[in-house]
Amino acid sequence: MPTYDYLCEKCEHRFEFFQSMNDAKLTDCPKEDCDGTVKRLLGTGAGIIFKGGGFYETDYRSESYKSGAKKESEASKPKESKESKSGGSSSSTSQSDTGAKGSGSSKTG
């Protein structure tokens, strides 16, 4: 709910009033000794205030921007070949493990 600024046309008392947008405008001055009418002033509205660390301009990107960026990053990734996926590196690891066991048993004898 917004806060509205009002100005009394008779006594020039300026005040703020917190009310719903659906509520009727105030018409009477809230001062006891004044019977003047009030006028609602145009306000600038409240701006967004970022306090603290961790706010970046990319935090509030639109969904269309995020999906486009995701597609672009996926297209720029290098594709892996089938040879590297076949597990060639795991067979070399198992050979070195068996070699280490064999050398360890020959030292004890």
PDB file of N, CA and C in Angstrom:
ATOM      1  N   MET A   1       0.844  -1.175   0.000  1.00  0.00           N
ATOM      2  CA  MET A   1       0.000   0.000   0.000  1.00  0.00           C
ATOM      3  C   MET A   1       0.894   1.244   0.000  1.00  0.00           C
ATOM      4  N   PRO A   2       0.551   2.189  -0.835  1.00  0.00           N
ATOM      5  CA  PRO A   2       1.391   3.385  -0.948  1.00  0.00           C
ATOM      6  C   PRO A   2       1.106   4.442   0.107  1.00  0.00           C
ATOM      7  N   THR A   3       2.061   5.323   0.234  1.00  0.00           N
ATOM      8  CA  THR A   3       1.931   6.489   1.106  1.00  0.00           C
ATOM      9  C   THR A   3       1.705   7.701   0.217  1.00  0.00           C
ATOM     10  N   TYR A   4       0.646   8.454   0.496  1.00  0.00           N
ATOM     11  CA  TYR A   4       0.306   9.628  -0.303  1.00  0.00           C
ATOM     12  C   TYR A   4       0.620  10.906   0.457  1.00  0.00           C
ATOM     13  N   ASP A   5       1.052  11.925  -0.280  1.00  0.00           N
ATOM     14  CA  ASP A   5       1.292  13.246   0.288  1.00  0.00           C
ATOM     15  C   ASP A   5       0.051  14.103   0.081  1.00  0.00           C
ATOM     16  N   TYR A   6      -0.328  14.830   1.124  1.00  0.00           N
ATOM     17  CA  TYR A   6      -1.482  15.731   1.062  1.00  0.00           C
ATOM     18  C   TYR A   6      -1.048  17.113   1.515  1.00  0.00           C
ATOM     19  N   LEU A   7      -1.774  18.137   1.034  1.00  0.00           N
ATOM     20  CA  LEU A   7      -1.526  19.521   1.411  1.00  0.00           C
ATOM     21  C   LEU A   7      -2.865  20.196   1.662  1.00  0.00           C
ATOM     22  N   CYS A   8      -2.982  20.815   2.840  1.00  0.00           N
ATOM     23  CA  CYS A   8      -4.196  21.553   3.161  1.00  0.00           C
ATOM     24  C   CYS A   8      -4.154  22.884   2.399  1.00  0.00           C
ATOM     25  N   GLU A   9      -5.242  23.205   1.727  1.00  0.00           N
ATOM     26  CA  GLU A   9      -5.299  24.443   0.948  1.00  0.00           C
ATOM     27  C   GLU A   9      -5.499  25.676   1.827  1.00  0.00           C
ATOM     28  N   LYS A  10      -5.971  25.483   3.058  1.00  0.00           N
ATOM     29  CA  LYS A  10      -6.225  26.622   3.946  1.00  0.00           C
ATOM     30  C   LYS A  10      -5.006  26.950   4.823  1.00  0.00           C
ATOM     31  N   CYS A  11      -4.525  25.971   5.594  1.00  0.00           N
ATOM     32  CA  CYS A  11      -3.418  26.223   6.535  1.00  0.00           C
ATOM     33  C   CYS A  11      -2.058  25.786   5.994  1.00  0.00           C
ATOM     34  N   GLU A  12      -2.042  25.203   4.811  1.00  0.00           N
ATOM     35  CA  GLU A  12      -0.833  24.714   4.135  1.00  0.00           C
ATOM     36  C   GLU A  12      -0.079  23.651   4.935  1.00  0.00           C
ATOM     37  N   HIS A  13      -0.833  22.889   5.722  1.00  0.00           N
ATOM     38  CA  HIS A  13      -0.255  21.767   6.472  1.00  0.00           C
ATOM     39  C   HIS A  13       0.002  20.630   5.481  1.00  0.00           C
ATOM     40  N   ARG A  14       1.242  20.177   5.450  1.00  0.00           N
ATOM     41  CA  ARG A  14       1.622  19.083   4.553  1.00  0.00           C
ATOM     42  C   ARG A  14       1.816  17.830   5.384  1.00  0.00           C
ATOM     43  N   PHE A  15       1.215  16.714   4.934  1.00  0.00           N
ATOM     44  CA  PHE A  15       1.325  15.458   5.675  1.00  0.00           C
ATOM     45  C   PHE A  15       1.247  14.282   4.717  1.00  0.00           C
ATOM     46  N   GLU A  16       1.649  13.123   5.246  1.00  0.00           N
ATOM     47  CA  GLU A  16       1.597  11.875   4.495  1.00  0.00           C
ATOM     48  C   GLU A  16       0.522  10.982   5.095  1.00  0.00           C
ATOM     49  N   PHE A  17      -0.100  10.174   4.234  1.00  0.00           N
ATOM     50  CA  PHE A  17      -1.123   9.265   4.717  1.00  0.00           C
ATOM     51  C   PHE A  17      -0.955   7.934   3.992  1.00  0.00           C
ATOM     52  N   PHE A  18      -0.912   6.853   4.771  1.00  0.00           N
ATOM     53  CA  PHE A  18      -0.735   5.502   4.266  1.00  0.00           C
ATOM     54  C   PHE A  18      -2.106   4.900   4.000  1.00  0.00           C
ATOM     55  N   GLN A  19      -2.430   4.641   2.720  1.00  0.00           N
ATOM     56  CA  GLN A  19      -3.743   4.104   2.387  1.00  0.00           C
ATOM     57  C   GLN A  19      -3.675   3.278   1.108  1.00  0.00           C
ATOM     58  N   SER A  20      -4.694   2.464   0.921  1.00  0.00           N
ATOM     59  CA  SER A  20      -4.788   1.623  -0.257  1.00  0.00           C
ATOM     60  C   SER A  20      -5.094   2.467  -1.489  1.00  0.00           C
ATOM     61  N   MET A  21      -4.744   1.952  -2.656  1.00  0.00           N
ATOM     62  CA  MET A  21      -5.050   2.672  -3.897  1.00  0.00           C
ATOM     63  C   MET A  21      -6.555   2.714  -4.150  1.00  0.00           C
ATOM     64  N   ASN A  22      -7.290   1.779  -3.581  1.00  0.00           N
ATOM     65  CA  ASN A  22      -8.740   1.722  -3.774  1.00  0.00           C
ATOM     66  C   ASN A  22      -9.506   2.638  -2.823  1.00  0.00           C
ATOM     67  N   ASP A  23      -8.848   3.118  -1.775  1.00  0.00           N
ATOM     68  CA  ASP A  23      -9.506   4.012  -0.821  1.00  0.00           C
ATOM     69  C   ASP A  23      -9.770   5.372  -1.458  1.00  0.00           C
ATOM     70  N   ALA A  24     -10.820   6.036  -0.961  1.00  0.00           N
ATOM     71  CA  ALA A  24     -11.144   7.380  -1.447  1.00  0.00           C
ATOM     72  C   ALA A  24     -10.103   8.377  -0.944  1.00  0.00           C
ATOM     73  N   LYS A  25      -9.891   9.447  -1.720  1.00  0.00           N
ATOM     74  CA  LYS A  25      -8.950  10.491  -1.323  1.00  0.00           C
ATOM     75  C   LYS A  25      -9.465  11.184  -0.070  1.00  0.00           C
ATOM     76  N   LEU A  26      -8.529  11.657   0.758  1.00  0.00           N
ATOM     77  CA  LEU A  26      -8.912  12.440   1.933  1.00  0.00           C
ATOM     78  C   LEU A  26      -9.418  13.800   1.471  1.00  0.00           C
ATOM     79  N   THR A  27     -10.363  14.371   2.225  1.00  0.00           N
ATOM     80  CA  THR A  27     -10.906  15.678   1.846  1.00  0.00           C
ATOM     81  C   THR A  27     -10.732  16.726   2.936  1.00  0.00           C
ATOM     82  N   ASP A  28     -10.630  16.306   4.195  1.00  0.00           N
ATOM     83  CA  ASP A  28     -10.555  17.249   5.313  1.00  0.00           C
ATOM     84  C   ASP A  28      -9.174  17.242   5.942  1.00  0.00           C
ATOM     85  N   CYS A  29      -8.734  18.419   6.392  1.00  0.00           N
ATOM     86  CA  CYS A  29      -7.447  18.566   7.067  1.00  0.00           C
ATOM     87  C   CYS A  29      -7.498  17.863   8.424  1.00  0.00           C
ATOM     88  N   PRO A  30      -6.443  17.115   8.789  1.00  0.00           N
ATOM     89  CA  PRO A  30      -6.458  16.381  10.060  1.00  0.00           C
ATOM     90  C   PRO A  30      -6.222  17.268  11.289  1.00  0.00           C
ATOM     91  N   LYS A  31      -5.819  18.521  11.117  1.00  0.00           N
ATOM     92  CA  LYS A  31      -5.618  19.412  12.262  1.00  0.00           C
ATOM     93  C   LYS A  31      -6.965  19.747  12.891  1.00  0.00           C
ATOM     94  N   GLU A  32      -6.987  19.796  14.215  1.00  0.00           N
ATOM     95  CA  GLU A  32      -8.249  20.025  14.926  1.00  0.00           C
ATOM     96  C   GLU A  32      -8.824  21.422  14.687  1.00  0.00           C
ATOM     97  N   ASP A  33      -7.973  22.422  14.643  1.00  0.00           N
ATOM     98  CA  ASP A  33      -8.464  23.792  14.529  1.00  0.00           C
ATOM     99  C   ASP A  33      -8.632  24.257  13.080  1.00  0.00           C
ATOM    100  N   CYS A  34      -8.421  23.377  12.105  1.00  0.00           N
ATOM    101  CA  CYS A  34      -8.538  23.744  10.690  1.00  0.00           C
ATOM    102  C   CYS A  34      -9.698  22.974  10.064  1.00  0.00           C
ATOM    103  N   ASP A  35     -10.489  23.649   9.277  1.00  0.00           N
ATOM    104  CA  ASP A  35     -11.590  22.993   8.570  1.00  0.00           C
ATOM    105  C   ASP A  35     -11.391  23.081   7.052  1.00  0.00           C
ATOM    106  N   GLY A  36     -10.140  23.184   6.636  1.00  0.00           N
ATOM    107  CA  GLY A  36      -9.829  23.316   5.216  1.00  0.00           C
ATOM    108  C   GLY A  36      -9.872  21.989   4.478  1.00  0.00           C
ATOM    109  N   THR A  37      -9.885  22.086   3.169  1.00  0.00           N
ATOM    110  CA  THR A  37      -9.865  20.886   2.331  1.00  0.00           C
ATOM    111  C   THR A  37      -8.423  20.575   1.944  1.00  0.00           C
ATOM    112  N   VAL A  38      -8.171  19.304   1.745  1.00  0.00           N
ATOM    113  CA  VAL A  38      -6.820  18.873   1.388  1.00  0.00           C
ATOM    114  C   VAL A  38      -6.769  18.442  -0.071  1.00  0.00           C
ATOM    115  N   LYS A  39      -5.600  18.561  -0.619  1.00  0.00           N
ATOM    116  CA  LYS A  39      -5.360  18.187  -2.007  1.00  0.00           C
ATOM    117  C   LYS A  39      -4.265  17.132  -2.010  1.00  0.00           C
ATOM    118  N   ARG A  40      -4.488  16.032  -2.757  1.00  0.00           N
ATOM    119  CA  ARG A  40      -3.462  14.992  -2.838  1.00  0.00           C
ATOM    120  C   ARG A  40      -2.413  15.428  -3.847  1.00  0.00           C
ATOM    121  N   LEU A  41      -1.155  15.358  -3.441  1.00  0.00           N
ATOM    122  CA  LEU A  41      -0.042  15.784  -4.279  1.00  0.00           C
ATOM    123  C   LEU A  41       0.489  14.619  -5.107  1.00  0.00           C
ATOM    124  N   LEU A  42       1.086  14.961  -6.206  1.00  0.00           N
ATOM    125  CA  LEU A  42       1.726  13.938  -7.022  1.00  0.00           C
ATOM    126  C   LEU A  42       3.036  13.543  -6.374  1.00  0.00           C
ATOM    127  N   GLY A  43       3.233  12.276  -6.193  1.00  0.00           N
ATOM    128  CA  GLY A  43       4.473  11.785  -5.585  1.00  0.00           C
ATOM    129  C   GLY A  43       5.342  11.104  -6.610  1.00  0.00           C
ATOM    130  N   THR A  44       6.593  11.001  -6.292  1.00  0.00           N
ATOM    131  CA  THR A  44       7.528  10.319  -7.190  1.00  0.00           C
ATOM    132  C   THR A  44       7.526   8.822  -6.970  1.00  0.00           C
ATOM    133  N   GLY A  45       6.945   8.377  -5.892  1.00  0.00           N
ATOM    134  CA  GLY A  45       6.951   6.955  -5.589  1.00  0.00           C
ATOM    135  C   GLY A  45       8.230   6.556  -4.895  1.00  0.00           C
ATOM    136  N   ALA A  46       8.247   5.360  -4.420  1.00  0.00           N
ATOM    137  CA  ALA A  46       9.425   4.868  -3.704  1.00  0.00           C
ATOM    138  C   ALA A  46      10.354   4.188  -4.691  1.00  0.00           C
ATOM    139  N   GLY A  47      11.615   4.506  -4.597  1.00  0.00           N
ATOM    140  CA  GLY A  47      12.611   3.847  -5.428  1.00  0.00           C
ATOM    141  C   GLY A  47      13.125   2.596  -4.744  1.00  0.00           C
ATOM    142  N   ILE A  48      13.756   1.767  -5.502  1.00  0.00           N
ATOM    143  CA  ILE A  48      14.343   0.549  -4.937  1.00  0.00           C
ATOM    144  C   ILE A  48      15.689   0.914  -4.330  1.00  0.00           C
ATOM    145  N   ILE A  49      15.892   0.498  -3.105  1.00  0.00           N
ATOM    146  CA  ILE A  49      17.147   0.768  -2.415  1.00  0.00           C
ATOM    147  C   ILE A  49      17.840  -0.569  -2.178  1.00  0.00           C
ATOM    148  N   PHE A  50      19.044  -0.701  -2.731  1.00  0.00           N
ATOM    149  CA  PHE A  50      19.820  -1.913  -2.541  1.00  0.00           C
ATOM    150  C   PHE A  50      20.815  -1.670  -1.418  1.00  0.00           C
ATOM    151  N   LYS A  51      20.666  -2.408  -0.324  1.00  0.00           N
ATOM    152  CA  LYS A  51      21.587  -2.287   0.796  1.00  0.00           C
ATOM    153  C   LYS A  51      22.352  -3.594   0.936  1.00  0.00           C
ATOM    154  N   GLY A  52      23.615  -3.479   1.231  1.00  0.00           N
ATOM    155  CA  GLY A  52      24.418  -4.671   1.453  1.00  0.00           C
ATOM    156  C   GLY A  52      25.109  -5.131   0.186  1.00  0.00           C
ATOM    157  N   GLY A  53      25.891  -6.165   0.328  1.00  0.00           N
ATOM    158  CA  GLY A  53      26.637  -6.702  -0.798  1.00  0.00           C
ATOM    159  C   GLY A  53      25.856  -7.792  -1.502  1.00  0.00           C
ATOM    160  N   GLY A  54      26.285  -8.142  -2.678  1.00  0.00           N
ATOM    161  CA  GLY A  54      25.707  -9.274  -3.389  1.00  0.00           C
ATOM    162  C   GLY A  54      24.621  -8.923  -4.379  1.00  0.00           C
ATOM    163  N   PHE A  55      24.477  -7.675  -4.761  1.00  0.00           N
ATOM    164  CA  PHE A  55      23.480  -7.315  -5.758  1.00  0.00           C
ATOM    165  C   PHE A  55      24.196  -7.060  -7.078  1.00  0.00           C
ATOM    166  N   TYR A  56      23.766  -7.762  -8.092  1.00  0.00           N
ATOM    167  CA  TYR A  56      24.377  -7.632  -9.407  1.00  0.00           C
ATOM    168  C   TYR A  56      23.294  -7.351 -10.433  1.00  0.00           C
ATOM    169  N   GLU A  57      23.667  -6.697 -11.524  1.00  0.00           N
ATOM    170  CA  GLU A  57      22.670  -6.358 -12.533  1.00  0.00           C
ATOM    171  C   GLU A  57      22.108  -7.596 -13.204  1.00  0.00           C
ATOM    172  N   THR A  58      22.807  -8.723 -13.154  1.00  0.00           N
ATOM    173  CA  THR A  58      22.324  -9.946 -13.788  1.00  0.00           C
ATOM    174  C   THR A  58      21.384 -10.743 -12.892  1.00  0.00           C
ATOM    175  N   ASP A  59      21.172 -10.328 -11.650  1.00  0.00           N
ATOM    176  CA  ASP A  59      20.299 -11.062 -10.746  1.00  0.00           C
ATOM    177  C   ASP A  59      18.833 -11.024 -11.170  1.00  0.00           C
ATOM    178  N   TYR A  60      18.451  -9.992 -11.877  1.00  0.00           N
ATOM    179  CA  TYR A  60      17.043  -9.795 -12.203  1.00  0.00           C
ATOM    180  C   TYR A  60      16.815  -9.815 -13.705  1.00  0.00           C
ATOM    181  N   ARG A  61      17.499 -10.694 -14.418  1.00  0.00           N
ATOM    182  CA  ARG A  61      17.337 -10.798 -15.861  1.00  0.00           C
ATOM    183  C   ARG A  61      16.010 -11.470 -16.194  1.00  0.00           C
ATOM    184  N   SER A  62      15.486 -11.174 -17.375  1.00  0.00           N
ATOM    185  CA  SER A  62      14.228 -11.774 -17.812  1.00  0.00           C
ATOM    186  C   SER A  62      14.454 -13.235 -18.180  1.00  0.00           C
ATOM    187  N   GLU A  63      13.384 -13.995 -18.214  1.00  0.00           N
ATOM    188  CA  GLU A  63      13.479 -15.419 -18.533  1.00  0.00           C
ATOM    189  C   GLU A  63      13.954 -15.621 -19.971  1.00  0.00           C
ATOM    190  N   SER A  64      13.529 -14.742 -20.895  1.00  0.00           N
ATOM    191  CA  SER A  64      13.949 -14.886 -22.287  1.00  0.00           C
ATOM    192  C   SER A  64      15.456 -14.660 -22.416  1.00  0.00           C
ATOM    193  N   TYR A  65      15.997 -13.724 -21.648  1.00  0.00           N
ATOM    194  CA  TYR A  65      17.438 -13.480 -21.673  1.00  0.00           C
ATOM    195  C   TYR A  65      18.179 -14.706 -21.125  1.00  0.00           C
ATOM    196  N   LYS A  66      17.675 -15.274 -20.012  1.00  0.00           N
ATOM    197  CA  LYS A  66      18.334 -16.432 -19.404  1.00  0.00           C
ATOM    198  C   LYS A  66      18.339 -17.623 -20.347  1.00  0.00           C
ATOM    199  N   SER A  67      17.211 -17.881 -21.036  1.00  0.00           N
ATOM    200  CA  SER A  67      17.148 -19.028 -21.940  1.00  0.00           C
ATOM    201  C   SER A  67      18.060 -18.822 -23.141  1.00  0.00           C
ATOM    202  N   GLY A  68      18.154 -17.597 -23.661  1.00  0.00           N
ATOM    203  CA  GLY A  68      19.060 -17.308 -24.772  1.00  0.00           C
ATOM    204  C   GLY A  68      20.512 -17.482 -24.375  1.00  0.00           C
ATOM    205  N   ALA A  69      20.862 -17.036 -23.183  1.00  0.00           N
ATOM    206  CA  ALA A  69      22.227 -17.178 -22.696  1.00  0.00           C
ATOM    207  C   ALA A  69      22.576 -18.648 -22.484  1.00  0.00           C
ATOM    208  N   LYS A  70      21.614 -19.439 -22.022  1.00  0.00           N
ATOM    209  CA  LYS A  70      21.862 -20.866 -21.794  1.00  0.00           C
ATOM    210  C   LYS A  70      22.114 -21.580 -23.124  1.00  0.00           C
ATOM    211  N   LYS A  71      21.309 -21.256 -24.143  1.00  0.00           N
ATOM    212  CA  LYS A  71      21.500 -21.864 -25.460  1.00  0.00           C
ATOM    213  C   LYS A  71      22.855 -21.480 -26.040  1.00  0.00           C
ATOM    214  N   GLU A  72      23.237 -20.230 -25.856  1.00  0.00           N
ATOM    215  CA  GLU A  72      24.520 -19.758 -26.374  1.00  0.00           C
ATOM    216  C   GLU A  72      25.687 -20.457 -25.694  1.00  0.00           C
ATOM    217  N   SER A  73      25.604 -20.651 -24.372  1.00  0.00           N
ATOM    218  CA  SER A  73      26.700 -21.306 -23.654  1.00  0.00           C
ATOM    219  C   SER A  73      26.782 -22.789 -24.017  1.00  0.00           C
ATOM    220  N   GLU A  74      25.638 -23.437 -24.265  1.00  0.00           N
ATOM    221  CA  GLU A  74      25.654 -24.838 -24.670  1.00  0.00           C
ATOM    222  C   GLU A  74      26.258 -25.000 -26.058  1.00  0.00           C
ATOM    223  N   ALA A  75      26.003 -24.052 -26.947  1.00  0.00           N
ATOM    224  CA  ALA A  75      26.535 -24.126 -28.305  1.00  0.00           C
ATOM    225  C   ALA A  75      28.044 -23.906 -28.328  1.00  0.00           C
ATOM    226  N   SER A  76      28.578 -23.141 -27.385  1.00  0.00           N
ATOM    227  CA  SER A  76      30.007 -22.840 -27.376  1.00  0.00           C
ATOM    228  C   SER A  76      30.838 -23.909 -26.676  1.00  0.00           C
ATOM    229  N   LYS A  77      30.214 -24.860 -25.972  1.00  0.00           N
ATOM    230  CA  LYS A  77      30.966 -25.918 -25.295  1.00  0.00           C
ATOM    231  C   LYS A  77      31.538 -26.890 -26.324  1.00  0.00           C
ATOM    232  N   PRO A  78      32.793 -27.347 -26.155  1.00  0.00           N
ATOM    233  CA  PRO A  78      33.350 -28.343 -27.082  1.00  0.00           C
ATOM    234  C   PRO A  78      32.707 -29.697 -26.820  1.00  0.00           C
ATOM    235  N   LYS A  79      32.396 -30.388 -27.904  1.00  0.00           N
ATOM    236  CA  LYS A  79      31.755 -31.699 -27.766  1.00  0.00           C
ATOM    237  C   LYS A  79      32.828 -32.761 -27.600  1.00  0.00           C
ATOM    238  N   GLU A  80      32.593 -33.724 -26.686  1.00  0.00           N
ATOM    239  CA  GLU A  80      33.561 -34.781 -26.411  1.00  0.00           C
ATOM    240  C   GLU A  80      33.486 -35.847 -27.491  1.00  0.00           C
ATOM    241  N   SER A  81      34.618 -36.432 -27.840  1.00  0.00           N
ATOM    242  CA  SER A  81      34.636 -37.499 -28.834  1.00  0.00           C
ATOM    243  C   SER A  81      34.233 -38.814 -28.175  1.00  0.00           C
ATOM    244  N   LYS A  82      33.872 -39.801 -29.010  1.00  0.00           N
ATOM    245  CA  LYS A  82      33.442 -41.094 -28.477  1.00  0.00           C
ATOM    246  C   LYS A  82      34.607 -41.849 -27.847  1.00  0.00           C
ATOM    247  N   GLU A  83      35.843 -41.621 -28.304  1.00  0.00           N
ATOM    248  CA  GLU A  83      37.007 -42.324 -27.762  1.00  0.00           C
ATOM    249  C   GLU A  83      37.248 -41.956 -26.304  1.00  0.00           C
ATOM    250  N   SER A  84      37.060 -40.681 -25.946  1.00  0.00           N
ATOM    251  CA  SER A  84      37.295 -40.281 -24.565  1.00  0.00           C
ATOM    252  C   SER A  84      36.194 -40.787 -23.647  1.00  0.00           C
ATOM    253  N   LYS A  85      35.015 -41.068 -24.199  1.00  0.00           N
ATOM    254  CA  LYS A  85      33.918 -41.600 -23.390  1.00  0.00           C
ATOM    255  C   LYS A  85      34.015 -43.106 -23.201  1.00  0.00           C
ATOM    256  N   SER A  86      34.808 -43.829 -24.032  1.00  0.00           N
ATOM    257  CA  SER A  86      34.839 -45.284 -23.989  1.00  0.00           C
ATOM    258  C   SER A  86      35.518 -45.832 -22.751  1.00  0.00           C
ATOM    259  N   GLY A  87      36.229 -45.006 -22.031  1.00  0.00           N
ATOM    260  CA  GLY A  87      36.843 -45.469 -20.792  1.00  0.00           C
ATOM    261  C   GLY A  87      38.292 -45.842 -20.974  1.00  0.00           C
ATOM    262  N   GLY A  88      38.975 -45.319 -21.949  1.00  0.00           N
ATOM    263  CA  GLY A  88      40.389 -45.611 -22.169  1.00  0.00           C
ATOM    264  C   GLY A  88      41.234 -45.222 -20.970  1.00  0.00           C
ATOM    265  N   SER A  89      40.874 -44.190 -20.267  1.00  0.00           N
ATOM    266  CA  SER A  89      41.653 -43.748 -19.123  1.00  0.00           C
ATOM    267  C   SER A  89      41.502 -44.697 -17.938  1.00  0.00           C
ATOM    268  N   SER A  90      40.363 -45.372 -17.796  1.00  0.00           N
ATOM    269  CA  SER A  90      40.175 -46.275 -16.668  1.00  0.00           C
ATOM    270  C   SER A  90      41.009 -47.535 -16.826  1.00  0.00           C
ATOM    271  N   SER A  91      41.243 -47.995 -18.078  1.00  0.00           N
ATOM    272  CA  SER A  91      42.055 -49.200 -18.275  1.00  0.00           C
ATOM    273  C   SER A  91      43.513 -48.921 -17.931  1.00  0.00           C
ATOM    274  N   SER A  92      44.013 -47.730 -18.203  1.00  0.00           N
ATOM    275  CA  SER A  92      45.391 -47.409 -17.849  1.00  0.00           C
ATOM    276  C   SER A  92      45.550 -47.316 -16.336  1.00  0.00           C
ATOM    277  N   THR A  93      44.526 -46.894 -15.637  1.00  0.00           N
ATOM    278  CA  THR A  93      44.583 -46.807 -14.186  1.00  0.00           C
ATOM    279  C   THR A  93      44.657 -48.201 -13.581  1.00  0.00           C
ATOM    280  N   SER A  94      43.868 -49.137 -14.114  1.00  0.00           N
ATOM    281  CA  SER A  94      43.880 -50.486 -13.559  1.00  0.00           C
ATOM    282  C   SER A  94      45.207 -51.179 -13.831  1.00  0.00           C
ATOM    283  N   GLN A  95      45.879 -50.903 -14.959  1.00  0.00           N
ATOM    284  CA  GLN A  95      47.174 -51.500 -15.237  1.00  0.00           C
ATOM    285  C   GLN A  95      48.224 -50.998 -14.254  1.00  0.00           C
ATOM    286  N   SER A  96      48.190 -49.717 -13.933  1.00  0.00           N
ATOM    287  CA  SER A  96      49.178 -49.193 -12.999  1.00  0.00           C
ATOM    288  C   SER A  96      48.933 -49.747 -11.600  1.00  0.00           C
ATOM    289  N   ASP A  97      47.677 -50.027 -11.248  1.00  0.00           N
ATOM    290  CA  ASP A  97      47.384 -50.608  -9.937  1.00  0.00           C
ATOM    291  C   ASP A  97      47.944 -52.019  -9.827  1.00  0.00           C
ATOM    292  N   THR A  98      47.804 -52.834 -10.863  1.00  0.00           N
ATOM    293  CA  THR A  98      48.314 -54.206 -10.807  1.00  0.00           C
ATOM    294  C   THR A  98      49.826 -54.215 -10.802  1.00  0.00           C
ATOM    295  N   GLY A  99      50.435 -53.247 -11.490  1.00  0.00           N
ATOM    296  CA  GLY A  99      51.893 -53.158 -11.488  1.00  0.00           C
ATOM    297  C   GLY A  99      52.417 -52.817 -10.106  1.00  0.00           C
ATOM    298  N   ALA A 100      51.727 -52.005  -9.377  1.00  0.00           N
ATOM    299  CA  ALA A 100      52.159 -51.626  -8.043  1.00  0.00           C
ATOM    300  C   ALA A 100      52.069 -52.810  -7.099  1.00  0.00           C
ATOM    301  N   LYS A 101      51.052 -53.651  -7.259  1.00  0.00           N
ATOM    302  CA  LYS A 101      50.901 -54.823  -6.387  1.00  0.00           C
ATOM    303  C   LYS A 101      52.020 -55.828  -6.644  1.00  0.00           C
ATOM    304  N   GLY A 102      52.350 -56.019  -7.900  1.00  0.00           N
ATOM    305  CA  GLY A 102      53.391 -56.974  -8.259  1.00  0.00           C
ATOM    306  C   GLY A 102      54.756 -56.555  -7.736  1.00  0.00           C
ATOM    307  N   SER A 103      55.069 -55.284  -7.812  1.00  0.00           N
ATOM    308  CA  SER A 103      56.370 -54.800  -7.349  1.00  0.00           C
ATOM    309  C   SER A 103      56.455 -54.880  -5.829  1.00  0.00           C
ATOM    310  N   GLY A 104      55.344 -54.733  -5.146  1.00  0.00           N
ATOM    311  CA  GLY A 104      55.339 -54.789  -3.700  1.00  0.00           C
ATOM    312  C   GLY A 104      55.593 -56.206  -3.203  1.00  0.00           C
ATOM    313  N   SER A 105      55.101 -57.240  -3.923  1.00  0.00           N
ATOM    314  CA  SER A 105      55.304 -58.613  -3.491  1.00  0.00           C
ATOM    315  C   SER A 105      56.716 -59.091  -3.743  1.00  0.00           C
ATOM    316  N   SER A 106      57.408 -58.535  -4.746  1.00  0.00           N
ATOM    317  CA  SER A 106      58.774 -58.972  -5.023  1.00  0.00           C
ATOM    318  C   SER A 106      59.763 -58.442  -4.004  1.00  0.00           C
ATOM    319  N   LYS A 107      59.443 -57.347  -3.329  1.00  0.00           N
ATOM    320  CA  LYS A 107      60.326 -56.782  -2.319  1.00  0.00           C
ATOM    321  C   LYS A 107      60.326 -57.616  -1.050  1.00  0.00           C
ATOM    322  N   THR A 108      59.212 -58.241  -0.713  1.00  0.00           N
ATOM    323  CA  THR A 108      59.138 -59.003   0.521  1.00  0.00           C
ATOM    324  C   THR A 108      59.892 -60.323   0.410  1.00  0.00           C
ATOM    325  N   GLY A 109      60.119 -60.854  -0.764  1.00  0.00           N
ATOM    326  CA  GLY A 109      60.710 -62.174  -0.945  1.00  0.00           C
ATOM    327  C   GLY A 109      62.135 -62.235  -0.963  1.00  0.00           C
TER     328      GLY A 109
END
